[in-house]
Protein backbone atom coordinates (compact mmCIF):
# COMPACT_ATOMS: atom_id res chain seq x y z
CA MET A 1 28.43 162.08 154.94
CA SER A 2 31.37 164.34 154.10
CA TRP A 3 29.49 167.56 155.01
CA ASN A 4 31.29 170.24 152.99
CA THR A 5 28.70 173.00 153.59
CA PHE A 6 28.60 175.52 156.45
CA GLY A 7 25.90 178.00 157.47
CA ARG A 8 22.12 178.15 157.73
CA VAL A 9 21.02 181.08 155.54
CA LEU A 10 24.26 182.30 154.03
CA ARG A 11 25.72 178.90 153.17
CA PHE A 12 29.02 178.13 151.53
CA THR A 13 30.34 174.86 150.14
CA THR A 14 34.01 174.21 149.34
CA TRP A 15 35.36 171.58 146.96
CA GLY A 16 38.69 170.40 145.58
CA GLU A 17 41.92 168.86 146.80
CA SER A 18 45.38 170.19 147.60
CA HIS A 19 46.96 168.61 144.50
CA GLY A 20 43.94 168.61 142.20
CA PRO A 21 43.59 170.96 139.22
CA ALA A 22 41.60 173.55 141.18
CA ILE A 23 39.75 174.39 144.38
CA GLY A 24 36.46 176.22 144.63
CA ALA A 25 33.55 177.46 146.69
CA VAL A 26 29.86 178.13 146.14
CA VAL A 27 28.28 180.85 148.28
CA ASP A 28 24.49 180.48 148.32
CA ASP A 29 21.70 182.84 149.41
CA CYS A 30 23.82 185.98 149.39
CA PRO A 31 21.38 188.90 149.12
CA PRO A 32 21.09 190.47 145.65
CA GLY A 33 22.29 193.92 144.68
CA ILE A 34 25.57 193.92 146.61
CA ALA A 35 28.57 195.26 144.70
CA LEU A 36 31.14 192.47 144.29
CA SER A 37 34.18 191.96 142.10
CA GLU A 38 37.23 189.72 141.91
CA GLU A 39 39.38 192.74 142.78
CA GLU A 40 37.55 193.08 146.11
CA ILE A 41 38.10 189.42 147.01
CA GLN A 42 41.75 189.17 145.93
CA PRO A 43 43.39 191.23 148.73
CA PHE A 44 42.11 188.80 151.37
CA LEU A 45 43.54 185.86 149.40
CA ASP A 46 46.84 187.67 148.97
CA ALA A 47 47.07 187.96 152.75
CA ARG A 48 46.76 184.18 153.09
CA LYS A 49 48.61 182.87 150.03
CA PRO A 50 51.76 180.74 150.50
CA GLY A 51 55.35 181.55 149.64
CA GLN A 52 55.39 185.18 150.77
CA ASN A 53 58.33 184.86 153.16
CA LYS A 54 60.63 182.28 154.77
CA PHE A 55 58.26 181.84 157.71
CA THR A 56 55.59 180.11 155.60
CA THR A 57 55.47 177.22 153.12
CA GLN A 58 57.44 177.88 149.93
CA ARG A 59 54.71 176.52 147.68
CA LYS A 60 54.10 179.29 145.12
CA GLU A 61 50.44 179.82 144.35
CA PRO A 62 49.05 183.10 142.97
CA ASP A 63 45.61 182.19 144.34
CA ALA A 64 43.97 184.29 141.64
CA VAL A 65 40.20 184.03 142.16
CA ARG A 66 37.60 183.91 139.38
CA ILE A 67 33.89 184.57 139.84
CA LEU A 68 32.02 182.13 137.60
CA SER A 69 28.41 182.91 138.53
CA GLY A 70 26.11 184.89 140.77
CA VAL A 71 27.37 188.35 139.77
CA PHE A 72 26.03 190.46 136.89
CA GLU A 73 27.16 193.95 135.98
CA GLY A 74 29.19 194.12 139.19
CA LYS A 75 26.40 193.17 141.60
CA THR A 76 25.23 189.95 143.23
CA THR A 77 22.12 188.48 141.65
CA GLY A 78 20.84 186.40 144.58
CA THR A 79 21.84 183.17 142.81
CA PRO A 80 24.78 180.94 143.82
CA ILE A 81 28.15 182.69 143.64
CA SER A 82 30.74 180.26 142.29
CA LEU A 83 34.40 181.00 143.03
CA LEU A 84 37.40 179.19 141.53
CA ILE A 85 41.16 179.15 142.15
CA GLU A 86 43.47 177.04 140.00
CA ASN A 87 46.29 175.04 141.61
CA THR A 88 49.53 175.79 139.75
CA ASP A 89 52.45 174.60 141.91
CA GLN A 90 51.69 171.04 143.03
CA ARG A 91 54.57 168.63 143.67
CA SER A 92 52.79 165.35 144.18
CA LYS A 93 56.03 163.38 143.94
CA ASP A 94 57.03 164.82 147.34
CA TYR A 95 54.40 162.53 148.87
CA SER A 96 55.10 159.28 147.01
CA GLU A 97 57.06 157.81 149.93
CA ILE A 98 54.12 158.12 152.33
CA ALA A 99 51.50 156.67 149.97
CA ARG A 100 51.12 153.63 152.24
CA THR A 101 52.36 155.14 155.50
CA TYR A 102 50.33 157.11 158.03
CA ARG A 103 51.78 160.46 159.10
CA PRO A 104 51.32 161.02 162.86
CA GLY A 105 49.30 164.14 163.61
CA HIS A 106 47.69 164.11 160.15
CA ALA A 107 44.30 162.76 159.14
CA ASP A 108 45.82 159.91 157.09
CA TYR A 109 44.65 157.03 159.29
CA ALA A 110 41.31 158.64 160.17
CA TYR A 111 40.47 159.21 156.48
CA ASP A 112 41.48 155.65 155.62
CA ALA A 113 39.35 154.29 158.47
CA LYS A 114 36.33 156.28 157.29
CA TYR A 115 36.54 155.99 153.49
CA GLY A 116 38.75 152.95 152.91
CA LEU A 117 41.13 155.09 150.83
CA ARG A 118 42.89 158.45 151.02
CA ASP A 119 44.48 161.04 148.78
CA TYR A 120 48.06 161.05 150.06
CA ARG A 121 49.09 164.03 147.88
CA GLY A 122 49.30 166.75 150.47
CA GLY A 123 46.39 165.30 152.40
CA GLY A 124 43.70 165.91 149.77
CA ARG A 125 40.68 167.50 151.43
CA SER A 126 42.36 167.57 154.84
CA SER A 127 45.02 169.97 153.52
CA ALA A 128 45.02 173.60 154.64
CA ARG A 129 44.85 174.42 150.93
CA GLU A 130 41.07 174.19 151.35
CA THR A 131 41.10 177.27 153.56
CA ALA A 132 41.83 179.53 150.58
CA MET A 133 38.20 179.10 149.56
CA ARG A 134 36.99 179.99 153.05
CA VAL A 135 38.90 183.26 152.69
CA ALA A 136 37.29 183.89 149.30
CA ALA A 137 33.83 183.12 150.71
CA GLY A 138 34.62 185.27 153.73
CA ALA A 139 35.30 188.23 151.44
CA VAL A 140 31.75 187.85 150.11
CA ALA A 141 30.40 187.66 153.68
CA ARG A 142 32.16 190.91 154.59
CA LYS A 143 30.08 192.65 151.93
CA VAL A 144 26.92 191.42 153.66
CA ILE A 145 28.03 192.85 157.03
CA ASP A 146 29.54 196.14 155.90
CA GLU A 147 28.66 197.67 159.29
CA VAL A 148 31.16 195.32 160.98
CA SER A 149 34.95 195.67 161.11
CA ILE A 150 36.96 192.47 161.65
CA PHE A 151 40.64 192.09 162.46
CA ALA A 152 42.73 189.22 163.76
CA TYR A 153 46.29 188.94 164.99
CA VAL A 154 48.72 186.34 166.30
CA ALA A 155 48.94 186.66 170.08
CA GLU A 156 51.30 183.78 170.80
CA ILE A 157 53.81 181.56 168.98
CA GLY A 158 55.52 178.61 170.63
CA GLY A 159 54.41 179.74 174.08
CA ASP A 160 55.83 183.27 173.64
CA ARG A 161 52.97 185.77 174.12
CA ILE A 162 52.65 189.40 173.10
CA ASP A 163 52.73 192.10 175.78
CA PRO A 164 49.32 193.87 175.86
CA ALA A 165 51.13 197.05 176.87
CA ASN A 166 52.86 197.05 173.46
CA PHE A 167 49.65 196.52 171.46
CA ASP A 168 49.63 198.58 168.26
CA ARG A 169 46.87 197.72 165.78
CA GLU A 170 48.79 199.41 162.94
CA GLU A 171 51.73 197.09 163.57
CA ILE A 172 49.69 194.00 162.55
CA ALA A 173 50.21 194.68 158.83
CA ARG A 174 53.88 195.64 159.17
CA ASN A 175 55.38 192.22 159.92
CA PRO A 176 54.96 188.69 158.53
CA PHE A 177 53.45 187.38 161.78
CA TRP A 178 50.30 189.55 161.97
CA CYS A 179 51.71 190.61 165.33
CA PRO A 180 50.57 193.81 167.10
CA ASP A 181 53.63 193.83 169.36
CA PRO A 182 56.82 194.83 167.45
CA GLN A 183 59.07 193.43 170.17
CA ALA A 184 57.35 190.03 170.06
CA ALA A 185 57.52 190.02 166.24
CA LYS A 186 61.29 190.48 166.48
CA ARG A 187 61.59 187.56 168.90
CA TRP A 188 59.39 185.38 166.70
CA GLU A 189 61.70 185.86 163.71
CA ALA A 190 64.42 183.89 165.50
CA LEU A 191 61.96 181.47 167.11
CA VAL A 192 60.20 180.41 163.90
CA ASP A 193 63.39 180.41 161.84
CA GLU A 194 65.06 178.12 164.37
CA ALA A 195 62.14 175.68 164.19
CA ARG A 196 62.17 175.82 160.37
CA LYS A 197 65.89 175.07 160.14
CA ALA A 198 65.52 172.22 162.62
CA GLY A 199 62.76 170.69 160.49
CA SER A 200 60.28 171.18 163.32
CA SER A 201 57.23 173.41 163.86
CA LEU A 202 55.47 175.60 166.42
CA GLY A 203 51.89 176.21 167.53
CA ALA A 204 50.18 179.59 167.74
CA VAL A 205 47.21 181.41 169.22
CA VAL A 206 45.22 183.80 167.02
CA GLU A 207 42.84 186.36 168.50
CA CYS A 208 39.98 187.87 166.48
CA VAL A 209 37.83 190.94 167.14
CA ALA A 210 34.65 192.02 165.34
CA GLU A 211 33.62 195.61 166.03
CA GLY A 212 30.25 197.12 165.12
CA VAL A 213 28.18 193.97 165.67
CA PRO A 214 24.76 195.25 166.82
CA ALA A 215 22.92 193.78 169.79
CA GLY A 216 20.49 190.99 168.93
CA TRP A 217 22.28 188.66 166.53
CA GLY A 218 22.18 185.01 167.57
CA ALA A 219 19.65 182.77 169.29
CA PRO A 220 19.10 181.45 172.83
CA VAL A 221 19.58 177.70 172.45
CA TYR A 222 20.61 175.74 169.35
CA ALA A 223 21.83 178.58 167.13
CA LYS A 224 23.87 180.49 169.66
CA LEU A 225 26.24 182.98 168.09
CA ASP A 226 29.11 181.75 170.24
CA SER A 227 28.43 178.07 169.55
CA ASP A 228 28.39 178.71 165.79
CA LEU A 229 31.60 180.73 166.11
CA ALA A 230 33.21 177.88 168.01
CA ALA A 231 32.07 175.36 165.38
CA GLY A 232 33.32 177.55 162.54
CA MET A 233 36.73 178.10 164.12
CA MET A 234 37.13 174.45 165.11
CA SER A 235 36.48 173.44 161.50
CA ILE A 236 39.71 175.19 160.43
CA ASN A 237 42.60 172.80 159.81
CA ALA A 238 44.99 172.41 162.78
CA VAL A 239 42.70 174.24 165.25
CA LYS A 240 42.46 172.40 168.57
CA GLY A 241 40.85 174.97 170.85
CA VAL A 242 38.50 177.97 170.77
CA GLU A 243 37.68 180.46 173.52
CA ILE A 244 34.97 183.15 173.44
CA GLY A 245 35.77 186.28 175.44
CA ASP A 246 37.79 185.33 178.51
CA GLY A 247 37.23 181.66 177.71
CA PHE A 248 38.92 179.32 180.18
CA GLU A 249 40.17 182.26 182.21
CA ALA A 250 36.55 182.90 183.23
CA ALA A 251 36.65 179.67 185.22
CA ARG A 252 39.37 181.21 187.40
CA LEU A 253 37.37 184.36 188.25
CA THR A 254 34.71 185.09 190.85
CA GLY A 255 31.20 186.11 189.82
CA GLU A 256 31.85 189.79 190.48
CA GLN A 257 35.16 189.68 188.59
CA ASN A 258 33.55 188.01 185.59
CA ALA A 259 30.52 190.31 185.43
CA ASP A 260 30.31 192.93 182.71
CA PRO A 261 28.90 195.92 184.63
CA MET A 262 26.47 198.21 182.79
CA ARG A 263 25.82 201.91 183.13
CA PRO A 264 23.26 204.16 181.42
CA SER A 265 24.32 205.51 178.06
CA LEU A 266 22.18 208.48 177.09
CA ASN A 267 22.22 210.62 173.98
CA GLU A 268 20.13 213.62 172.91
CA GLU A 269 17.24 211.31 172.04
CA GLY A 270 17.28 209.52 175.39
CA ASN A 271 18.18 205.91 176.17
CA ASP A 272 20.88 204.60 173.85
CA GLY A 273 21.23 201.20 175.50
CA PRO A 274 23.69 200.31 178.25
CA ARG A 275 27.35 201.23 178.36
CA PHE A 276 29.40 198.17 179.32
CA GLU A 277 32.34 198.62 181.69
CA ALA A 278 33.99 195.30 180.71
CA ASN A 279 33.73 192.58 178.06
CA HIS A 280 34.57 189.28 179.72
CA ALA A 281 31.74 187.63 177.77
CA GLY A 282 33.28 188.47 174.40
CA GLY A 283 30.27 190.44 173.20
CA ILE A 284 27.84 187.52 173.53
CA ALA A 285 25.37 186.74 176.33
CA GLY A 286 22.93 183.85 176.23
CA GLY A 287 23.99 183.13 172.66
CA ILE A 288 23.02 186.65 171.47
CA SER A 289 25.28 189.60 170.67
CA THR A 290 25.28 192.46 173.19
CA GLY A 291 26.57 195.23 170.93
CA GLN A 292 30.09 194.96 172.33
CA PRO A 293 33.01 193.73 170.22
CA VAL A 294 32.73 190.00 169.55
CA THR A 295 36.03 188.37 170.49
CA CYS A 296 37.46 184.88 170.26
CA ARG A 297 40.80 183.14 170.64
CA VAL A 298 41.85 180.23 168.42
CA ALA A 299 44.64 177.72 169.19
CA PHE A 300 46.56 176.17 166.27
CA LYS A 301 48.62 173.06 166.90
CA PRO A 302 52.19 172.79 165.53
CA THR A 303 52.29 171.74 161.89
CA SER A 304 52.34 167.93 161.79
CA SER A 305 54.55 167.84 158.66
CA ILE A 306 58.06 167.82 160.12
CA LEU A 307 61.45 166.44 159.07
CA THR A 308 62.13 164.91 162.48
CA PRO A 309 61.54 161.12 162.28
CA VAL A 310 58.38 160.04 164.13
CA GLU A 311 57.29 156.45 164.83
CA SER A 312 54.28 155.25 162.83
CA VAL A 313 52.80 152.27 160.99
CA THR A 314 52.15 151.43 157.37
CA ARG A 315 48.73 150.71 155.91
CA ASP A 316 49.63 147.00 156.31
CA GLY A 317 50.29 147.44 160.03
CA GLU A 318 54.09 147.33 159.90
CA ALA A 319 56.21 149.53 162.18
CA THR A 320 58.08 152.36 160.48
CA GLU A 321 59.33 155.94 160.89
CA VAL A 322 58.05 158.97 158.98
CA ARG A 323 59.87 162.11 157.88
CA THR A 324 57.48 164.37 155.96
CA LYS A 325 59.22 165.90 152.96
CA GLY A 326 57.83 168.72 150.87
CA ARG A 327 57.04 172.38 151.56
CA HIS A 328 55.27 173.11 154.81
CA ASP A 329 54.52 175.96 157.21
CA PRO A 330 56.79 175.95 160.28
CA CYS A 331 53.89 177.68 162.07
CA VAL A 332 50.52 177.18 160.41
CA GLY A 333 48.85 179.70 162.71
CA ILE A 334 50.52 182.58 160.83
CA ARG A 335 48.64 181.95 157.59
CA GLY A 336 45.66 180.82 159.64
CA THR A 337 45.04 184.42 160.74
CA PRO A 338 43.16 185.51 157.56
CA VAL A 339 41.19 182.25 157.75
CA VAL A 340 40.04 183.08 161.29
CA GLU A 341 38.87 186.49 160.05
CA ALA A 342 36.99 184.80 157.20
CA MET A 343 35.16 182.39 159.50
CA MET A 344 34.21 185.26 161.81
CA ALA A 345 32.74 187.10 158.80
CA LEU A 346 30.87 184.05 157.53
CA VAL A 347 29.29 183.29 160.91
CA LEU A 348 28.30 186.91 161.53
CA ALA A 349 26.83 187.31 158.04
CA ASP A 350 24.79 184.15 158.51
CA HIS A 351 23.47 185.40 161.83
CA LYS A 352 22.64 188.83 160.43
CA LEU A 353 20.42 187.16 157.83
CA LEU A 354 18.95 184.77 160.42
CA HIS A 355 18.09 187.73 162.63
CA ARG A 356 16.51 189.60 159.73
CA ALA A 357 14.46 186.53 158.78
CA GLN A 358 12.91 186.29 162.25
CA CYS A 359 12.80 189.87 163.47
CA GLY A 360 12.65 191.90 160.25
């Protein structure tokens, strides 16, 4: 099976290829009566769309979204919400030379092994073009969880990390790297531009924070909030690692260092739940949200489409070298930041509805 649907209650399905006439998504089981318009979805797509600066692919796509169903008189109807974006700037001829050659790092061989054929034009379904529809679906999910605030930022490019002491949330929207550290953003300009001019690419780490998630979302065993978050983030193109909270760093701590101490938190009405002194767990314990910010870290590999020749084989098993022509991101993690936010929203919205279904 191809398995193009994600979620349990709030489910979304994406369709379309990188060089096809259009891409789309269907969001099912969104509650009725929620105000929704194309104008509310578009800003999130604008944040992700290509060709905005020299640090991303120069493919020019307006990514203008259309709502085809599921909304009447400005509100969701409870029926499937169909979203469509037309592809307008395909250059399929850029890929003609690799029609019978596997690009290392791409899904070319794996797709061929599974299906017996592949769409070589930009990778077809394996292209990051598909993530535009996740962002559109994520905009719908944000309307379901209006009590939650989500923001993501790039914390590392090419091994160069931000300095937490320089963290400025307002700075994230002021530079093309979604970087909260202005000094790191300045360094990254030279770093990414150097890789771009050399025909190479760099990896990145994106961190995501969801504030306002109430305690109780998730489940103890097979629908853990953190396991669904990990699955959602790992499904994003080029993602090779996901950490919740401290992630792998937790393995280097002692039990007392890793604990999230709690103190009483009282208001005028009495007990208001615990006040946490730390958040090593990333806002999730036993698969269920604790009321703290839900945090995760997502590692993007370097873009596999590079101009540097790499050894490979043809579909007939002959040795060859591949240089991937066309327009590609020198650091795919930059435009991956809005996608990470979208997947966080989609997972949280699904779990809000799951929680409501069981607990009222």
